[in-house]
């Protein structure tokens, strides 16, 4: 539901992935139509409206990404509970994000050893 050109994220949190993808496709189509018709008709481009549309698309993309991360976390917990003997690696999207320098750096204990 659009409120003054904005999407309320709280209203879309409970929706499933299919509904979010439908709203995302609608928003993308609206953005495409809006950007294509304005320069040809000679009207002044409403930059504010385009910005809001792009931000709404970003909000929906963020919701989809958080749902995927939550689903992979649940799947990891289930797999870990089933296979207690075998070590299961943490999925890439759940791992800590660090730079290569941070990953390769020695721990404080190792750095203090002589």
PDB file of N, CA and C in Angstrom:
ATOM      1  N   UNK A   1       0.844  -1.173   0.000  1.00  0.00           N
ATOM      2  CA  UNK A   1       0.000   0.000   0.000  1.00  0.00           C
ATOM      3  C   UNK A   1       0.886   1.231   0.000  1.00  0.00           C
ATOM      4  N   UNK A   2       0.599   2.135  -0.878  1.00  0.00           N
ATOM      5  CA  UNK A   2       1.405   3.341  -1.019  1.00  0.00           C
ATOM      6  C   UNK A   2       0.843   4.450  -0.132  1.00  0.00           C
ATOM      7  N   UNK A   3       1.725   5.111   0.589  1.00  0.00           N
ATOM      8  CA  UNK A   3       1.346   6.242   1.422  1.00  0.00           C
ATOM      9  C   UNK A   3       2.196   7.422   0.979  1.00  0.00           C
ATOM     10  N   UNK A   4       1.586   8.360   0.267  1.00  0.00           N
ATOM     11  CA  UNK A   4       2.284   9.546  -0.232  1.00  0.00           C
ATOM     12  C   UNK A   4       3.542   9.155  -1.014  1.00  0.00           C
ATOM     13  N   UNK A   5       3.445   8.094  -1.808  1.00  0.00           N
ATOM     14  CA  UNK A   5       4.578   7.690  -2.617  1.00  0.00           C
ATOM     15  C   UNK A   5       5.582   6.811  -1.904  1.00  0.00           C
ATOM     16  N   UNK A   6       5.341   6.517  -0.629  1.00  0.00           N
ATOM     17  CA  UNK A   6       6.263   5.682   0.122  1.00  0.00           C
ATOM     18  C   UNK A   6       5.614   4.353   0.461  1.00  0.00           C
ATOM     19  N   UNK A   7       6.449   3.354   0.621  1.00  0.00           N
ATOM     20  CA  UNK A   7       5.979   2.054   1.083  1.00  0.00           C
ATOM     21  C   UNK A   7       6.318   1.943   2.560  1.00  0.00           C
ATOM     22  N   UNK A   8       5.373   1.439   3.332  1.00  0.00           N
ATOM     23  CA  UNK A   8       5.640   1.196   4.747  1.00  0.00           C
ATOM     24  C   UNK A   8       6.184  -0.220   4.877  1.00  0.00           C
ATOM     25  N   UNK A   9       7.387  -0.335   5.376  1.00  0.00           N
ATOM     26  CA  UNK A   9       8.036  -1.632   5.499  1.00  0.00           C
ATOM     27  C   UNK A   9       7.298  -2.508   6.497  1.00  0.00           C
ATOM     28  N   UNK A  10       6.762  -1.908   7.551  1.00  0.00           N
ATOM     29  CA  UNK A  10       6.073  -2.678   8.587  1.00  0.00           C
ATOM     30  C   UNK A  10       4.865  -3.430   8.028  1.00  0.00           C
ATOM     31  N   UNK A  11       4.221  -2.875   7.019  1.00  0.00           N
ATOM     32  CA  UNK A  11       3.062  -3.534   6.417  1.00  0.00           C
ATOM     33  C   UNK A  11       3.470  -4.714   5.551  1.00  0.00           C
ATOM     34  N   UNK A  12       4.688  -4.695   5.044  1.00  0.00           N
ATOM     35  CA  UNK A  12       5.136  -5.746   4.126  1.00  0.00           C
ATOM     36  C   UNK A  12       5.941  -6.839   4.816  1.00  0.00           C
ATOM     37  N   UNK A  13       6.272  -6.680   6.084  1.00  0.00           N
ATOM     38  CA  UNK A  13       7.114  -7.672   6.772  1.00  0.00           C
ATOM     39  C   UNK A  13       6.476  -9.043   6.843  1.00  0.00           C
ATOM     40  N   UNK A  14       5.173  -9.118   7.059  1.00  0.00           N
ATOM     41  CA  UNK A  14       4.502 -10.408   7.215  1.00  0.00           C
ATOM     42  C   UNK A  14       4.225 -11.120   5.903  1.00  0.00           C
ATOM     43  N   UNK A  15       4.455 -10.456   4.795  1.00  0.00           N
ATOM     44  CA  UNK A  15       4.137 -11.044   3.498  1.00  0.00           C
ATOM     45  C   UNK A  15       5.153 -12.106   3.106  1.00  0.00           C
ATOM     46  N   UNK A  16       4.715 -13.017   2.259  1.00  0.00           N
ATOM     47  CA  UNK A  16       5.593 -14.071   1.772  1.00  0.00           C
ATOM     48  C   UNK A  16       6.468 -13.575   0.638  1.00  0.00           C
ATOM     49  N   UNK A  17       7.372 -14.452   0.204  1.00  0.00           N
ATOM     50  CA  UNK A  17       8.323 -14.082  -0.849  1.00  0.00           C
ATOM     51  C   UNK A  17       7.609 -13.813  -2.167  1.00  0.00           C
ATOM     52  N   UNK A  18       6.571 -14.592  -2.476  1.00  0.00           N
ATOM     53  CA  UNK A  18       5.855 -14.421  -3.737  1.00  0.00           C
ATOM     54  C   UNK A  18       5.165 -13.048  -3.802  1.00  0.00           C
ATOM     55  N   UNK A  19       4.533 -12.660  -2.701  1.00  0.00           N
ATOM     56  CA  UNK A  19       3.868 -11.350  -2.665  1.00  0.00           C
ATOM     57  C   UNK A  19       4.880 -10.210  -2.786  1.00  0.00           C
ATOM     58  N   UNK A  20       6.016 -10.369  -2.107  1.00  0.00           N
ATOM     59  CA  UNK A  20       7.050  -9.334  -2.190  1.00  0.00           C
ATOM     60  C   UNK A  20       7.602  -9.220  -3.603  1.00  0.00           C
ATOM     61  N   UNK A  21       7.785 -10.359  -4.271  1.00  0.00           N
ATOM     62  CA  UNK A  21       8.268 -10.322  -5.654  1.00  0.00           C
ATOM     63  C   UNK A  21       7.255  -9.662  -6.574  1.00  0.00           C
ATOM     64  N   UNK A  22       5.955  -9.903  -6.327  1.00  0.00           N
ATOM     65  CA  UNK A  22       4.916  -9.247  -7.133  1.00  0.00           C
ATOM     66  C   UNK A  22       4.957  -7.732  -6.952  1.00  0.00           C
ATOM     67  N   UNK A  23       5.061  -7.277  -5.703  1.00  0.00           N
ATOM     68  CA  UNK A  23       5.124  -5.828  -5.473  1.00  0.00           C
ATOM     69  C   UNK A  23       6.402  -5.241  -6.059  1.00  0.00           C
ATOM     70  N   UNK A  24       7.496  -6.005  -5.981  1.00  0.00           N
ATOM     71  CA  UNK A  24       8.756  -5.540  -6.550  1.00  0.00           C
ATOM     72  C   UNK A  24       8.638  -5.381  -8.064  1.00  0.00           C
ATOM     73  N   UNK A  25       8.016  -6.358  -8.720  1.00  0.00           N
ATOM     74  CA  UNK A  25       7.829  -6.267 -10.174  1.00  0.00           C
ATOM     75  C   UNK A  25       6.934  -5.093 -10.546  1.00  0.00           C
ATOM     76  N   UNK A  26       5.870  -4.857  -9.760  1.00  0.00           N
ATOM     77  CA  UNK A  26       4.989  -3.712 -10.021  1.00  0.00           C
ATOM     78  C   UNK A  26       5.747  -2.393  -9.884  1.00  0.00           C
ATOM     79  N   UNK A  27       6.548  -2.290  -8.823  1.00  0.00           N
ATOM     80  CA  UNK A  27       7.316  -1.063  -8.614  1.00  0.00           C
ATOM     81  C   UNK A  27       8.324  -0.833  -9.731  1.00  0.00           C
ATOM     82  N   UNK A  28       8.992  -1.908 -10.155  1.00  0.00           N
ATOM     83  CA  UNK A  28       9.954  -1.779 -11.250  1.00  0.00           C
ATOM     84  C   UNK A  28       9.272  -1.357 -12.543  1.00  0.00           C
ATOM     85  N   UNK A  29       8.097  -1.946 -12.789  1.00  0.00           N
ATOM     86  CA  UNK A  29       7.354  -1.595 -14.005  1.00  0.00           C
ATOM     87  C   UNK A  29       6.919  -0.134 -13.960  1.00  0.00           C
ATOM     88  N   UNK A  30       6.432   0.315 -12.794  1.00  0.00           N
ATOM     89  CA  UNK A  30       6.022   1.716 -12.634  1.00  0.00           C
ATOM     90  C   UNK A  30       7.203   2.659 -12.843  1.00  0.00           C
ATOM     91  N   UNK A  31       8.344   2.307 -12.279  1.00  0.00           N
ATOM     92  CA  UNK A  31       9.537   3.135 -12.434  1.00  0.00           C
ATOM     93  C   UNK A  31       9.949   3.211 -13.901  1.00  0.00           C
ATOM     94  N   UNK A  32       9.919   2.072 -14.571  1.00  0.00           N
ATOM     95  CA  UNK A  32      10.298   2.041 -15.986  1.00  0.00           C
ATOM     96  C   UNK A  32       9.347   2.897 -16.818  1.00  0.00           C
ATOM     97  N   UNK A  33       8.041   2.735 -16.587  1.00  0.00           N
ATOM     98  CA  UNK A  33       7.054   3.521 -17.341  1.00  0.00           C
ATOM     99  C   UNK A  33       7.216   5.011 -17.060  1.00  0.00           C
ATOM    100  N   UNK A  34       7.456   5.326 -15.811  1.00  0.00           N
ATOM    101  CA  UNK A  34       7.575   6.736 -15.435  1.00  0.00           C
ATOM    102  C   UNK A  34       8.818   7.366 -16.068  1.00  0.00           C
ATOM    103  N   UNK A  35       9.925   6.636 -16.079  1.00  0.00           N
ATOM    104  CA  UNK A  35      11.146   7.198 -16.653  1.00  0.00           C
ATOM    105  C   UNK A  35      11.076   7.280 -18.167  1.00  0.00           C
ATOM    106  N   UNK A  36      10.342   6.373 -18.795  1.00  0.00           N
ATOM    107  CA  UNK A  36      10.264   6.372 -20.260  1.00  0.00           C
ATOM    108  C   UNK A  36       9.299   7.415 -20.805  1.00  0.00           C
ATOM    109  N   UNK A  37       8.196   7.641 -20.114  1.00  0.00           N
ATOM    110  CA  UNK A  37       7.185   8.555 -20.669  1.00  0.00           C
ATOM    111  C   UNK A  37       7.511  10.025 -20.439  1.00  0.00           C
ATOM    112  N   UNK A  38       8.225  10.345 -19.377  1.00  0.00           N
ATOM    113  CA  UNK A  38       8.463  11.749 -19.061  1.00  0.00           C
ATOM    114  C   UNK A  38       9.333  12.482 -20.079  1.00  0.00           C
ATOM    115  N   UNK A  39      10.497  11.948 -20.482  1.00  0.00           N
ATOM    116  CA  UNK A  39      11.312  12.704 -21.433  1.00  0.00           C
ATOM    117  C   UNK A  39      10.648  12.858 -22.807  1.00  0.00           C
ATOM    118  N   UNK A  40       9.865  11.871 -23.210  1.00  0.00           N
ATOM    119  CA  UNK A  40       9.226  11.935 -24.531  1.00  0.00           C
ATOM    120  C   UNK A  40       8.065  12.913 -24.563  1.00  0.00           C
ATOM    121  N   UNK A  41       7.387  13.082 -23.427  1.00  0.00           N
ATOM    122  CA  UNK A  41       6.221  13.960 -23.420  1.00  0.00           C
ATOM    123  C   UNK A  41       6.595  15.422 -23.222  1.00  0.00           C
ATOM    124  N   UNK A  42       7.838  15.695 -22.910  1.00  0.00           N
ATOM    125  CA  UNK A  42       8.269  17.064 -22.718  1.00  0.00           C
ATOM    126  C   UNK A  42       7.979  17.602 -21.330  1.00  0.00           C
ATOM    127  N   UNK A  43       7.442  16.739 -20.452  1.00  0.00           N
ATOM    128  CA  UNK A  43       7.159  17.181 -19.085  1.00  0.00           C
ATOM    129  C   UNK A  43       8.455  17.248 -18.286  1.00  0.00           C
ATOM    130  N   UNK A  44       8.403  18.037 -17.242  1.00  0.00           N
ATOM    131  CA  UNK A  44       9.556  18.147 -16.365  1.00  0.00           C
ATOM    132  C   UNK A  44       9.668  16.863 -15.535  1.00  0.00           C
ATOM    133  N   UNK A  45      10.860  16.312 -15.479  1.00  0.00           N
ATOM    134  CA  UNK A  45      11.070  15.065 -14.744  1.00  0.00           C
ATOM    135  C   UNK A  45      10.940  15.336 -13.247  1.00  0.00           C
ATOM    136  N   UNK A  46      10.110  14.527 -12.605  1.00  0.00           N
ATOM    137  CA  UNK A  46       9.921  14.671 -11.169  1.00  0.00           C
ATOM    138  C   UNK A  46      10.968  13.809 -10.471  1.00  0.00           C
ATOM    139  N   UNK A  47      12.084  14.417 -10.168  1.00  0.00           N
ATOM    140  CA  UNK A  47      13.195  13.676  -9.568  1.00  0.00           C
ATOM    141  C   UNK A  47      12.828  13.111  -8.199  1.00  0.00           C
ATOM    142  N   UNK A  48      12.039  13.848  -7.453  1.00  0.00           N
ATOM    143  CA  UNK A  48      11.662  13.390  -6.117  1.00  0.00           C
ATOM    144  C   UNK A  48      10.847  12.106  -6.191  1.00  0.00           C
ATOM    145  N   UNK A  49       9.924  12.045  -7.144  1.00  0.00           N
ATOM    146  CA  UNK A  49       9.086  10.858  -7.296  1.00  0.00           C
ATOM    147  C   UNK A  49       9.931   9.657  -7.730  1.00  0.00           C
ATOM    148  N   UNK A  50      10.871   9.878  -8.633  1.00  0.00           N
ATOM    149  CA  UNK A  50      11.753   8.797  -9.074  1.00  0.00           C
ATOM    150  C   UNK A  50      12.605   8.297  -7.911  1.00  0.00           C
ATOM    151  N   UNK A  51      13.080   9.208  -7.097  1.00  0.00           N
ATOM    152  CA  UNK A  51      13.897   8.833  -5.948  1.00  0.00           C
ATOM    153  C   UNK A  51      13.096   7.968  -4.975  1.00  0.00           C
ATOM    154  N   UNK A  52      11.841   8.356  -4.718  1.00  0.00           N
ATOM    155  CA  UNK A  52      10.998   7.576  -3.818  1.00  0.00           C
ATOM    156  C   UNK A  52      10.741   6.182  -4.384  1.00  0.00           C
ATOM    157  N   UNK A  53      10.544   6.108  -5.691  1.00  0.00           N
ATOM    158  CA  UNK A  53      10.307   4.803  -6.317  1.00  0.00           C
ATOM    159  C   UNK A  53      11.531   3.905  -6.166  1.00  0.00           C
ATOM    160  N   UNK A  54      12.718   4.473  -6.382  1.00  0.00           N
ATOM    161  CA  UNK A  54      13.949   3.686  -6.238  1.00  0.00           C
ATOM    162  C   UNK A  54      14.145   3.225  -4.794  1.00  0.00           C
ATOM    163  N   UNK A  55      13.836   4.107  -3.854  1.00  0.00           N
ATOM    164  CA  UNK A  55      13.980   3.749  -2.444  1.00  0.00           C
ATOM    165  C   UNK A  55      12.986   2.659  -2.047  1.00  0.00           C
ATOM    166  N   UNK A  56      11.769   2.711  -2.591  1.00  0.00           N
ATOM    167  CA  UNK A  56      10.780   1.672  -2.312  1.00  0.00           C
ATOM    168  C   UNK A  56      11.252   0.321  -2.845  1.00  0.00           C
ATOM    169  N   UNK A  57      11.843   0.332  -4.030  1.00  0.00           N
ATOM    170  CA  UNK A  57      12.389  -0.899  -4.605  1.00  0.00           C
ATOM    171  C   UNK A  57      13.500  -1.442  -3.709  1.00  0.00           C
ATOM    172  N   UNK A  58      14.347  -0.556  -3.198  1.00  0.00           N
ATOM    173  CA  UNK A  58      15.432  -0.981  -2.312  1.00  0.00           C
ATOM    174  C   UNK A  58      14.888  -1.568  -1.011  1.00  0.00           C
ATOM    175  N   UNK A  59      13.812  -0.987  -0.489  1.00  0.00           N
ATOM    176  CA  UNK A  59      13.211  -1.509   0.738  1.00  0.00           C
ATOM    177  C   UNK A  59      12.687  -2.924   0.540  1.00  0.00           C
ATOM    178  N   UNK A  60      12.012  -3.145  -0.582  1.00  0.00           N
ATOM    179  CA  UNK A  60      11.467  -4.477  -0.870  1.00  0.00           C
ATOM    180  C   UNK A  60      12.612  -5.474  -1.071  1.00  0.00           C
ATOM    181  N   UNK A  61      13.670  -5.063  -1.775  1.00  0.00           N
ATOM    182  CA  UNK A  61      14.827  -5.944  -1.955  1.00  0.00           C
ATOM    183  C   UNK A  61      15.459  -6.310  -0.615  1.00  0.00           C
ATOM    184  N   UNK A  62      15.525  -5.358   0.291  1.00  0.00           N
ATOM    185  CA  UNK A  62      16.078  -5.619   1.613  1.00  0.00           C
ATOM    186  C   UNK A  62      15.213  -6.617   2.374  1.00  0.00           C
ATOM    187  N   UNK A  63      13.891  -6.471   2.282  1.00  0.00           N
ATOM    188  CA  UNK A  63      12.998  -7.411   2.942  1.00  0.00           C
ATOM    189  C   UNK A  63      13.180  -8.827   2.396  1.00  0.00           C
ATOM    190  N   UNK A  64      13.314  -8.941   1.076  1.00  0.00           N
ATOM    191  CA  UNK A  64      13.513 -10.255   0.459  1.00  0.00           C
ATOM    192  C   UNK A  64      14.825 -10.869   0.936  1.00  0.00           C
ATOM    193  N   UNK A  65      15.875 -10.057   1.007  1.00  0.00           N
ATOM    194  CA  UNK A  65      17.180 -10.556   1.442  1.00  0.00           C
ATOM    195  C   UNK A  65      17.139 -11.013   2.896  1.00  0.00           C
ATOM    196  N   UNK A  66      16.472 -10.251   3.769  1.00  0.00           N
ATOM    197  CA  UNK A  66      16.397 -10.646   5.172  1.00  0.00           C
ATOM    198  C   UNK A  66      15.593 -11.925   5.345  1.00  0.00           C
ATOM    199  N   UNK A  67      14.558 -12.102   4.523  1.00  0.00           N
ATOM    200  CA  UNK A  67      13.789 -13.348   4.578  1.00  0.00           C
ATOM    201  C   UNK A  67      14.642 -14.537   4.155  1.00  0.00           C
ATOM    202  N   UNK A  68      15.468 -14.345   3.118  1.00  0.00           N
ATOM    203  CA  UNK A  68      16.346 -15.435   2.671  1.00  0.00           C
ATOM    204  C   UNK A  68      17.359 -15.796   3.746  1.00  0.00           C
ATOM    205  N   UNK A  69      17.918 -14.795   4.413  1.00  0.00           N
ATOM    206  CA  UNK A  69      18.894 -15.046   5.467  1.00  0.00           C
ATOM    207  C   UNK A  69      18.235 -15.783   6.638  1.00  0.00           C
ATOM    208  N   UNK A  70      17.020 -15.356   6.996  1.00  0.00           N
ATOM    209  CA  UNK A  70      16.311 -16.030   8.091  1.00  0.00           C
ATOM    210  C   UNK A  70      15.999 -17.475   7.734  1.00  0.00           C
ATOM    211  N   UNK A  71      15.601 -17.707   6.482  1.00  0.00           N
ATOM    212  CA  UNK A  71      15.282 -19.074   6.046  1.00  0.00           C
ATOM    213  C   UNK A  71      16.524 -19.957   6.040  1.00  0.00           C
ATOM    214  N   UNK A  72      17.654 -19.423   5.597  1.00  0.00           N
ATOM    215  CA  UNK A  72      18.876 -20.231   5.585  1.00  0.00           C
ATOM    216  C   UNK A  72      19.361 -20.491   7.008  1.00  0.00           C
ATOM    217  N   UNK A  73      19.122 -19.555   7.918  1.00  0.00           N
ATOM    218  CA  UNK A  73      19.476 -19.773   9.318  1.00  0.00           C
ATOM    219  C   UNK A  73      18.652 -20.888   9.936  1.00  0.00           C
ATOM    220  N   UNK A  74      17.348 -20.914   9.628  1.00  0.00           N
ATOM    221  CA  UNK A  74      16.488 -21.979  10.142  1.00  0.00           C
ATOM    222  C   UNK A  74      16.893 -23.329   9.555  1.00  0.00           C
ATOM    223  N   UNK A  75      17.199 -23.353   8.259  1.00  0.00           N
ATOM    224  CA  UNK A  75      17.618 -24.587   7.611  1.00  0.00           C
ATOM    225  C   UNK A  75      18.929 -25.092   8.205  1.00  0.00           C
ATOM    226  N   UNK A  76      19.831 -24.180   8.516  1.00  0.00           N
ATOM    227  CA  UNK A  76      21.106 -24.566   9.126  1.00  0.00           C
ATOM    228  C   UNK A  76      20.883 -25.178  10.507  1.00  0.00           C
ATOM    229  N   UNK A  77      20.002 -24.572  11.300  1.00  0.00           N
ATOM    230  CA  UNK A  77      19.717 -25.105  12.634  1.00  0.00           C
ATOM    231  C   UNK A  77      19.110 -26.498  12.563  1.00  0.00           C
ATOM    232  N   UNK A  78      18.206 -26.709  11.611  1.00  0.00           N
ATOM    233  CA  UNK A  78      17.576 -28.017  11.441  1.00  0.00           C
ATOM    234  C   UNK A  78      18.615 -29.054  11.025  1.00  0.00           C
ATOM    235  N   UNK A  79      19.468 -28.695  10.058  1.00  0.00           N
ATOM    236  CA  UNK A  79      20.500 -29.615   9.590  1.00  0.00           C
ATOM    237  C   UNK A  79      21.496 -29.927  10.698  1.00  0.00           C
ATOM    238  N   UNK A  80      21.812 -28.957  11.504  1.00  0.00           N
ATOM    239  CA  UNK A  80      22.754 -29.146  12.598  1.00  0.00           C
ATOM    240  C   UNK A  80      22.150 -30.054  13.675  1.00  0.00           C
ATOM    241  N   UNK A  81      20.843 -29.918  13.917  1.00  0.00           N
ATOM    242  CA  UNK A  81      20.186 -30.758  14.914  1.00  0.00           C
ATOM    243  C   UNK A  81      20.120 -32.214  14.451  1.00  0.00           C
ATOM    244  N   UNK A  82      19.939 -32.433  13.150  1.00  0.00           N
ATOM    245  CA  UNK A  82      19.861 -33.795  12.611  1.00  0.00           C
ATOM    246  C   UNK A  82      21.210 -34.490  12.644  1.00  0.00           C
ATOM    247  N   UNK A  83      22.275 -33.770  12.292  1.00  0.00           N
ATOM    248  CA  UNK A  83      23.608 -34.356  12.190  1.00  0.00           C
ATOM    249  C   UNK A  83      24.501 -33.818  13.298  1.00  0.00           C
ATOM    250  N   UNK A  84      24.370 -34.365  14.480  1.00  0.00           N
ATOM    251  CA  UNK A  84      25.177 -33.889  15.604  1.00  0.00           C
ATOM    252  C   UNK A  84      26.605 -34.405  15.539  1.00  0.00           C
ATOM    253  N   UNK A  85      26.801 -35.571  14.915  1.00  0.00           N
ATOM    254  CA  UNK A  85      28.140 -36.153  14.841  1.00  0.00           C
ATOM    255  C   UNK A  85      29.019 -35.412  13.840  1.00  0.00           C
ATOM    256  N   UNK A  86      28.420 -35.011  12.739  1.00  0.00           N
ATOM    257  CA  UNK A  86      29.170 -34.395  11.646  1.00  0.00           C
ATOM    258  C   UNK A  86      29.092 -32.873  11.768  1.00  0.00           C
ATOM    259  N   UNK A  87      30.229 -32.222  11.595  1.00  0.00           N
ATOM    260  CA  UNK A  87      30.251 -30.762  11.661  1.00  0.00           C
ATOM    261  C   UNK A  87      29.734 -30.190  10.350  1.00  0.00           C
ATOM    262  N   UNK A  88      28.783 -29.278  10.439  1.00  0.00           N
ATOM    263  CA  UNK A  88      28.207 -28.637   9.258  1.00  0.00           C
ATOM    264  C   UNK A  88      28.696 -27.195   9.227  1.00  0.00           C
ATOM    265  N   UNK A  89      29.224 -26.789   8.079  1.00  0.00           N
ATOM    266  CA  UNK A  89      29.737 -25.428   7.943  1.00  0.00           C
ATOM    267  C   UNK A  89      28.594 -24.422   7.887  1.00  0.00           C
ATOM    268  N   UNK A  90      28.850 -23.280   8.451  1.00  0.00           N
ATOM    269  CA  UNK A  90      27.886 -22.191   8.453  1.00  0.00           C
ATOM    270  C   UNK A  90      27.721 -21.669   7.029  1.00  0.00           C
ATOM    271  N   UNK A  91      26.484 -21.439   6.557  1.00  0.00           N
ATOM    272  CA  UNK A  91      26.285 -20.910   5.210  1.00  0.00           C
ATOM    273  C   UNK A  91      26.972 -19.551   5.032  1.00  0.00           C
ATOM    274  N   UNK A  92      27.361 -19.271   3.802  1.00  0.00           N
ATOM    275  CA  UNK A  92      28.120 -18.047   3.522  1.00  0.00           C
ATOM    276  C   UNK A  92      27.369 -16.780   3.914  1.00  0.00           C
ATOM    277  N   UNK A  93      26.051 -16.771   3.708  1.00  0.00           N
ATOM    278  CA  UNK A  93      25.320 -15.542   4.017  1.00  0.00           C
ATOM    279  C   UNK A  93      25.103 -15.339   5.513  1.00  0.00           C
ATOM    280  N   UNK A  94      25.470 -16.336   6.330  1.00  0.00           N
ATOM    281  CA  UNK A  94      25.362 -16.181   7.778  1.00  0.00           C
ATOM    282  C   UNK A  94      26.715 -15.936   8.446  1.00  0.00           C
ATOM    283  N   UNK A  95      27.775 -16.051   7.681  1.00  0.00           N
ATOM    284  CA  UNK A  95      29.106 -15.860   8.241  1.00  0.00           C
ATOM    285  C   UNK A  95      29.395 -14.385   8.464  1.00  0.00           C
ATOM    286  N   UNK A  96      30.357 -14.142   9.344  1.00  0.00           N
ATOM    287  CA  UNK A  96      30.752 -12.780   9.654  1.00  0.00           C
ATOM    288  C   UNK A  96      31.425 -12.153   8.436  1.00  0.00           C
ATOM    289  N   UNK A  97      31.079 -10.925   8.135  1.00  0.00           N
ATOM    290  CA  UNK A  97      31.675 -10.258   6.986  1.00  0.00           C
ATOM    291  C   UNK A  97      32.907  -9.482   7.438  1.00  0.00           C
ATOM    292  N   UNK A  98      34.054  -9.904   6.914  1.00  0.00           N
ATOM    293  CA  UNK A  98      35.312  -9.246   7.245  1.00  0.00           C
ATOM    294  C   UNK A  98      36.107  -9.059   5.965  1.00  0.00           C
ATOM    295  N   UNK A  99      37.077  -8.181   6.033  1.00  0.00           N
ATOM    296  CA  UNK A  99      37.986  -8.021   4.911  1.00  0.00           C
ATOM    297  C   UNK A  99      39.025  -9.139   4.977  1.00  0.00           C
ATOM    298  N   UNK A 100      39.762  -9.329   3.903  1.00  0.00           N
ATOM    299  CA  UNK A 100      40.772 -10.376   3.880  1.00  0.00           C
ATOM    300  C   UNK A 100      41.840 -10.111   4.937  1.00  0.00           C
ATOM    301  N   UNK A 101      42.189  -8.847   5.118  1.00  0.00           N
ATOM    302  CA  UNK A 101      43.191  -8.483   6.109  1.00  0.00           C
ATOM    303  C   UNK A 101      42.734  -8.887   7.514  1.00  0.00           C
ATOM    304  N   UNK A 102      41.461  -8.674   7.815  1.00  0.00           N
ATOM    305  CA  UNK A 102      40.931  -9.044   9.118  1.00  0.00           C
ATOM    306  C   UNK A 102      40.899 -10.559   9.299  1.00  0.00           C
ATOM    307  N   UNK A 103      40.549 -11.287   8.233  1.00  0.00           N
ATOM    308  CA  UNK A 103      40.496 -12.747   8.324  1.00  0.00           C
ATOM    309  C   UNK A 103      41.877 -13.351   8.515  1.00  0.00           C
ATOM    310  N   UNK A 104      42.892 -12.799   7.862  1.00  0.00           N
ATOM    311  CA  UNK A 104      44.241 -13.350   7.900  1.00  0.00           C
ATOM    312  C   UNK A 104      45.051 -12.896   9.116  1.00  0.00           C
ATOM    313  N   UNK A 105      44.558 -11.882   9.809  1.00  0.00           N
ATOM    314  CA  UNK A 105      45.303 -11.355  10.954  1.00  0.00           C
ATOM    315  C   UNK A 105      45.358 -12.384  12.068  1.00  0.00           C
ATOM    316  N   UNK A 106      46.447 -12.364  12.815  1.00  0.00           N
ATOM    317  CA  UNK A 106      46.595 -13.253  13.956  1.00  0.00           C
ATOM    318  C   UNK A 106      45.661 -12.823  15.074  1.00  0.00           C
ATOM    319  N   UNK A 107      45.217 -13.785  15.856  1.00  0.00           N
ATOM    320  CA  UNK A 107      44.411 -13.434  17.022  1.00  0.00           C
ATOM    321  C   UNK A 107      45.312 -12.747  18.045  1.00  0.00           C
ATOM    322  N   UNK A 108      44.730 -12.130  19.031  1.00  0.00           N
ATOM    323  CA  UNK A 108      45.525 -11.415  20.039  1.00  0.00           C
ATOM    324  C   UNK A 108      46.437 -12.371  20.802  1.00  0.00           C
ATOM    325  N   UNK A 109      45.938 -13.563  21.074  1.00  0.00           N
ATOM    326  CA  UNK A 109      46.744 -14.547  21.793  1.00  0.00           C
ATOM    327  C   UNK A 109      47.956 -14.966  20.950  1.00  0.00           C
ATOM    328  N   UNK A 110      47.729 -15.228  19.651  1.00  0.00           N
ATOM    329  CA  UNK A 110      48.831 -15.630  18.791  1.00  0.00           C
ATOM    330  C   UNK A 110      49.842 -14.505  18.595  1.00  0.00           C
ATOM    331  N   UNK A 111      49.355 -13.281  18.526  1.00  0.00           N
ATOM    332  CA  UNK A 111      50.253 -12.146  18.325  1.00  0.00           C
ATOM    333  C   UNK A 111      51.136 -11.907  19.554  1.00  0.00           C
ATOM    334  N   UNK A 112      50.640 -12.231  20.745  1.00  0.00           N
ATOM    335  CA  UNK A 112      51.393 -12.002  21.977  1.00  0.00           C
ATOM    336  C   UNK A 112      52.387 -13.112  22.284  1.00  0.00           C
ATOM    337  N   UNK A 113      52.287 -14.245  21.607  1.00  0.00           N
ATOM    338  CA  UNK A 113      53.222 -15.351  21.850  1.00  0.00           C
ATOM    339  C   UNK A 113      54.624 -14.998  21.363  1.00  0.00           C
ATOM    340  N   UNK A 114      55.616 -15.562  22.033  1.00  0.00           N
ATOM    341  CA  UNK A 114      57.001 -15.286  21.627  1.00  0.00           C
ATOM    342  C   UNK A 114      57.597 -16.479  20.948  1.00  0.00           C
TER     343      UNK A 114
END
